[in-house]
Amino acid sequence: MGEQQVRIVNIASETALSRAALTLFCKETAQQWDLAAIDRLCERFDCQLVLF
């Protein structure tokens, strides 16, 4: 997944997100984005979501 070269299965277990959802996010084919899921990913990757 991205720059850190981690496996989707590892992120799924660390964030309690499904592998299917993470795959859709990675391939940018997700139909909708769940803010709770994005928040968990931001916590995992130590980033912040900035809404304009």
PDB file of N, CA and C in Angstrom:
ATOM      1  N   MET A   1       0.839  -1.176   0.000  1.00  0.00           N
ATOM      2  CA  MET A   1       0.000   0.000   0.000  1.00  0.00           C
ATOM      3  C   MET A   1       0.879   1.233   0.000  1.00  0.00           C
ATOM      4  N   GLY A   2       1.026   1.881  -1.083  1.00  0.00           N
ATOM      5  CA  GLY A   2       1.713   3.160  -1.147  1.00  0.00           C
ATOM      6  C   GLY A   2       3.190   3.108  -0.849  1.00  0.00           C
ATOM      7  N   GLU A   3       3.688   4.195  -0.292  1.00  0.00           N
ATOM      8  CA  GLU A   3       5.115   4.394  -0.086  1.00  0.00           C
ATOM      9  C   GLU A   3       5.725   3.457   0.956  1.00  0.00           C
ATOM     10  N   GLN A   4       4.965   3.061   1.961  1.00  0.00           N
ATOM     11  CA  GLN A   4       5.526   2.271   3.050  1.00  0.00           C
ATOM     12  C   GLN A   4       5.623   0.783   2.721  1.00  0.00           C
ATOM     13  N   GLN A   5       5.106   0.340   1.579  1.00  0.00           N
ATOM     14  CA  GLN A   5       5.189  -1.049   1.141  1.00  0.00           C
ATOM     15  C   GLN A   5       4.763  -2.039   2.218  1.00  0.00           C
ATOM     16  N   VAL A   6       3.536  -1.903   2.656  1.00  0.00           N
ATOM     17  CA  VAL A   6       2.971  -2.832   3.618  1.00  0.00           C
ATOM     18  C   VAL A   6       1.904  -3.668   2.919  1.00  0.00           C
ATOM     19  N   ARG A   7       1.575  -4.789   3.485  1.00  0.00           N
ATOM     20  CA  ARG A   7       0.594  -5.673   2.876  1.00  0.00           C
ATOM     21  C   ARG A   7      -0.811  -5.324   3.346  1.00  0.00           C
ATOM     22  N   ILE A   8      -1.758  -5.444   2.434  1.00  0.00           N
ATOM     23  CA  ILE A   8      -3.142  -5.139   2.753  1.00  0.00           C
ATOM     24  C   ILE A   8      -3.637  -6.008   3.906  1.00  0.00           C
ATOM     25  N   VAL A   9      -3.244  -7.255   3.928  1.00  0.00           N
ATOM     26  CA  VAL A   9      -3.689  -8.151   5.003  1.00  0.00           C
ATOM     27  C   VAL A   9      -3.214  -7.655   6.368  1.00  0.00           C
ATOM     28  N   ASN A  10      -2.025  -7.092   6.438  1.00  0.00           N
ATOM     29  CA  ASN A  10      -1.521  -6.547   7.704  1.00  0.00           C
ATOM     30  C   ASN A  10      -2.307  -5.312   8.119  1.00  0.00           C
ATOM     31  N   ILE A  11      -2.577  -4.434   7.180  1.00  0.00           N
ATOM     32  CA  ILE A  11      -3.354  -3.225   7.480  1.00  0.00           C
ATOM     33  C   ILE A  11      -4.765  -3.616   7.903  1.00  0.00           C
ATOM     34  N   ALA A  12      -5.335  -4.615   7.246  1.00  0.00           N
ATOM     35  CA  ALA A  12      -6.679  -5.071   7.594  1.00  0.00           C
ATOM     36  C   ALA A  12      -6.733  -5.543   9.044  1.00  0.00           C
ATOM     37  N   SER A  13      -5.748  -6.305   9.461  1.00  0.00           N
ATOM     38  CA  SER A  13      -5.763  -6.799  10.841  1.00  0.00           C
ATOM     39  C   SER A  13      -5.472  -5.688  11.845  1.00  0.00           C
ATOM     40  N   GLU A  14      -4.662  -4.720  11.477  1.00  0.00           N
ATOM     41  CA  GLU A  14      -4.324  -3.624  12.397  1.00  0.00           C
ATOM     42  C   GLU A  14      -5.444  -2.602  12.533  1.00  0.00           C
ATOM     43  N   THR A  15      -6.268  -2.447  11.499  1.00  0.00           N
ATOM     44  CA  THR A  15      -7.292  -1.405  11.504  1.00  0.00           C
ATOM     45  C   THR A  15      -8.711  -1.933  11.606  1.00  0.00           C
ATOM     46  N   ALA A  16      -8.878  -3.265  11.542  1.00  0.00           N
ATOM     47  CA  ALA A  16     -10.201  -3.904  11.541  1.00  0.00           C
ATOM     48  C   ALA A  16     -11.030  -3.507  10.327  1.00  0.00           C
ATOM     49  N   LEU A  17     -10.360  -3.158   9.238  1.00  0.00           N
ATOM     50  CA  LEU A  17     -11.042  -2.900   7.971  1.00  0.00           C
ATOM     51  C   LEU A  17     -10.925  -4.154   7.116  1.00  0.00           C
ATOM     52  N   SER A  18     -11.900  -4.374   6.259  1.00  0.00           N
ATOM     53  CA  SER A  18     -11.848  -5.575   5.427  1.00  0.00           C
ATOM     54  C   SER A  18     -10.805  -5.417   4.319  1.00  0.00           C
ATOM     55  N   ARG A  19     -10.259  -6.547   3.906  1.00  0.00           N
ATOM     56  CA  ARG A  19      -9.298  -6.520   2.805  1.00  0.00           C
ATOM     57  C   ARG A  19      -9.964  -6.006   1.532  1.00  0.00           C
ATOM     58  N   ALA A  20     -11.233  -6.353   1.352  1.00  0.00           N
ATOM     59  CA  ALA A  20     -11.963  -5.897   0.166  1.00  0.00           C
ATOM     60  C   ALA A  20     -12.069  -4.368   0.138  1.00  0.00           C
ATOM     61  N   ALA A  21     -12.401  -3.777   1.279  1.00  0.00           N
ATOM     62  CA  ALA A  21     -12.507  -2.314   1.352  1.00  0.00           C
ATOM     63  C   ALA A  21     -11.160  -1.654   1.104  1.00  0.00           C
ATOM     64  N   LEU A  22     -10.104  -2.211   1.692  1.00  0.00           N
ATOM     65  CA  LEU A  22      -8.771  -1.646   1.494  1.00  0.00           C
ATOM     66  C   LEU A  22      -8.335  -1.751   0.033  1.00  0.00           C
ATOM     67  N   THR A  23      -8.667  -2.851  -0.610  1.00  0.00           N
ATOM     68  CA  THR A  23      -8.333  -3.013  -2.025  1.00  0.00           C
ATOM     69  C   THR A  23      -9.035  -1.957  -2.864  1.00  0.00           C
ATOM     70  N   LEU A  24     -10.307  -1.707  -2.572  1.00  0.00           N
ATOM     71  CA  LEU A  24     -11.038  -0.669  -3.300  1.00  0.00           C
ATOM     72  C   LEU A  24     -10.408   0.708  -3.083  1.00  0.00           C
ATOM     73  N   PHE A  25      -9.986   0.994  -1.854  1.00  0.00           N
ATOM     74  CA  PHE A  25      -9.325   2.264  -1.569  1.00  0.00           C
ATOM     75  C   PHE A  25      -8.020   2.374  -2.360  1.00  0.00           C
ATOM     76  N   CYS A  26      -7.244   1.293  -2.360  1.00  0.00           N
ATOM     77  CA  CYS A  26      -5.937   1.304  -3.038  1.00  0.00           C
ATOM     78  C   CYS A  26      -6.081   1.476  -4.543  1.00  0.00           C
ATOM     79  N   LYS A  27      -7.077   0.828  -5.105  1.00  0.00           N
ATOM     80  CA  LYS A  27      -7.283   0.895  -6.555  1.00  0.00           C
ATOM     81  C   LYS A  27      -8.093   2.123  -6.966  1.00  0.00           C
ATOM     82  N   GLU A  28      -8.510   2.896  -5.960  1.00  0.00           N
ATOM     83  CA  GLU A  28      -9.317   4.102  -6.167  1.00  0.00           C
ATOM     84  C   GLU A  28     -10.602   3.798  -6.915  1.00  0.00           C
ATOM     85  N   THR A  29     -11.233   2.663  -6.581  1.00  0.00           N
ATOM     86  CA  THR A  29     -12.501   2.284  -7.200  1.00  0.00           C
ATOM     87  C   THR A  29     -13.641   2.256  -6.198  1.00  0.00           C
ATOM     88  N   ALA A  30     -13.394   2.690  -4.977  1.00  0.00           N
ATOM     89  CA  ALA A  30     -14.441   2.711  -3.953  1.00  0.00           C
ATOM     90  C   ALA A  30     -15.536   3.686  -4.377  1.00  0.00           C
ATOM     91  N   GLN A  31     -16.780   3.273  -4.201  1.00  0.00           N
ATOM     92  CA  GLN A  31     -17.923   4.115  -4.558  1.00  0.00           C
ATOM     93  C   GLN A  31     -18.187   5.173  -3.493  1.00  0.00           C
ATOM     94  N   GLN A  32     -17.844   4.853  -2.260  1.00  0.00           N
ATOM     95  CA  GLN A  32     -18.011   5.823  -1.180  1.00  0.00           C
ATOM     96  C   GLN A  32     -16.889   5.631  -0.168  1.00  0.00           C
ATOM     97  N   TRP A  33     -16.598   6.680   0.568  1.00  0.00           N
ATOM     98  CA  TRP A  33     -15.526   6.651   1.559  1.00  0.00           C
ATOM     99  C   TRP A  33     -16.142   6.832   2.929  1.00  0.00           C
ATOM    100  N   ASP A  34     -15.872   5.916   3.811  1.00  0.00           N
ATOM    101  CA  ASP A  34     -16.350   5.965   5.180  1.00  0.00           C
ATOM    102  C   ASP A  34     -15.341   6.755   6.011  1.00  0.00           C
ATOM    103  N   LEU A  35     -15.790   7.840   6.630  1.00  0.00           N
ATOM    104  CA  LEU A  35     -14.869   8.670   7.400  1.00  0.00           C
ATOM    105  C   LEU A  35     -14.245   7.919   8.573  1.00  0.00           C
ATOM    106  N   ALA A  36     -14.964   6.990   9.165  1.00  0.00           N
ATOM    107  CA  ALA A  36     -14.397   6.199  10.259  1.00  0.00           C
ATOM    108  C   ALA A  36     -13.242   5.342   9.739  1.00  0.00           C
ATOM    109  N   ALA A  37     -13.401   4.787   8.547  1.00  0.00           N
ATOM    110  CA  ALA A  37     -12.338   3.979   7.941  1.00  0.00           C
ATOM    111  C   ALA A  37     -11.128   4.850   7.611  1.00  0.00           C
ATOM    112  N   ILE A  38     -11.386   6.020   7.080  1.00  0.00           N
ATOM    113  CA  ILE A  38     -10.291   6.936   6.755  1.00  0.00           C
ATOM    114  C   ILE A  38      -9.565   7.357   8.024  1.00  0.00           C
ATOM    115  N   ASP A  39     -10.322   7.578   9.090  1.00  0.00           N
ATOM    116  CA  ASP A  39      -9.718   7.945  10.370  1.00  0.00           C
ATOM    117  C   ASP A  39      -8.803   6.834  10.886  1.00  0.00           C
ATOM    118  N   ARG A  40      -9.244   5.579  10.770  1.00  0.00           N
ATOM    119  CA  ARG A  40      -8.413   4.453  11.213  1.00  0.00           C
ATOM    120  C   ARG A  40      -7.144   4.350  10.372  1.00  0.00           C
ATOM    121  N   LEU A  41      -7.261   4.586   9.070  1.00  0.00           N
ATOM    122  CA  LEU A  41      -6.078   4.552   8.202  1.00  0.00           C
ATOM    123  C   LEU A  41      -5.121   5.690   8.548  1.00  0.00           C
ATOM    124  N   CYS A  42      -5.676   6.859   8.832  1.00  0.00           N
ATOM    125  CA  CYS A  42      -4.826   7.987   9.214  1.00  0.00           C
ATOM    126  C   CYS A  42      -4.092   7.709  10.519  1.00  0.00           C
ATOM    127  N   GLU A  43      -4.773   7.085  11.471  1.00  0.00           N
ATOM    128  CA  GLU A  43      -4.106   6.726  12.724  1.00  0.00           C
ATOM    129  C   GLU A  43      -2.974   5.740  12.457  1.00  0.00           C
ATOM    130  N   ARG A  44      -3.229   4.758  11.614  1.00  0.00           N
ATOM    131  CA  ARG A  44      -2.229   3.721  11.314  1.00  0.00           C
ATOM    132  C   ARG A  44      -1.002   4.308  10.624  1.00  0.00           C
ATOM    133  N   PHE A  45      -1.232   5.220   9.669  1.00  0.00           N
ATOM    134  CA  PHE A  45      -0.141   5.784   8.885  1.00  0.00           C
ATOM    135  C   PHE A  45       0.357   7.119   9.427  1.00  0.00           C
ATOM    136  N   ASP A  46      -0.151   7.506  10.612  1.00  0.00           N
ATOM    137  CA  ASP A  46       0.276   8.744  11.281  1.00  0.00           C
ATOM    138  C   ASP A  46       0.128   9.954  10.348  1.00  0.00           C
ATOM    139  N   CYS A  47      -1.096  10.147   9.872  1.00  0.00           N
ATOM    140  CA  CYS A  47      -1.378  11.301   9.019  1.00  0.00           C
ATOM    141  C   CYS A  47      -2.662  11.958   9.503  1.00  0.00           C
ATOM    142  N   GLN A  48      -2.994  13.084   8.920  1.00  0.00           N
ATOM    143  CA  GLN A  48      -4.196  13.790   9.313  1.00  0.00           C
ATOM    144  C   GLN A  48      -5.063  14.046   8.100  1.00  0.00           C
ATOM    145  N   LEU A  49      -6.366  13.980   8.302  1.00  0.00           N
ATOM    146  CA  LEU A  49      -7.334  14.291   7.263  1.00  0.00           C
ATOM    147  C   LEU A  49      -7.726  15.753   7.429  1.00  0.00           C
ATOM    148  N   VAL A  50      -7.535  16.520   6.379  1.00  0.00           N
ATOM    149  CA  VAL A  50      -7.884  17.938   6.421  1.00  0.00           C
ATOM    150  C   VAL A  50      -9.058  18.159   5.488  1.00  0.00           C
ATOM    151  N   LEU A  51     -10.168  18.632   6.053  1.00  0.00           N
ATOM    152  CA  LEU A  51     -11.353  18.912   5.261  1.00  0.00           C
ATOM    153  C   LEU A  51     -11.419  20.411   4.992  1.00  0.00           C
ATOM    154  N   PHE A  52     -11.709  20.758   3.774  1.00  0.00           N
ATOM    155  CA  PHE A  52     -11.789  22.180   3.399  1.00  0.00           C
ATOM    156  C   PHE A  52     -13.216  22.627   3.379  1.00  0.00           C
TER     157      PHE A  52
END
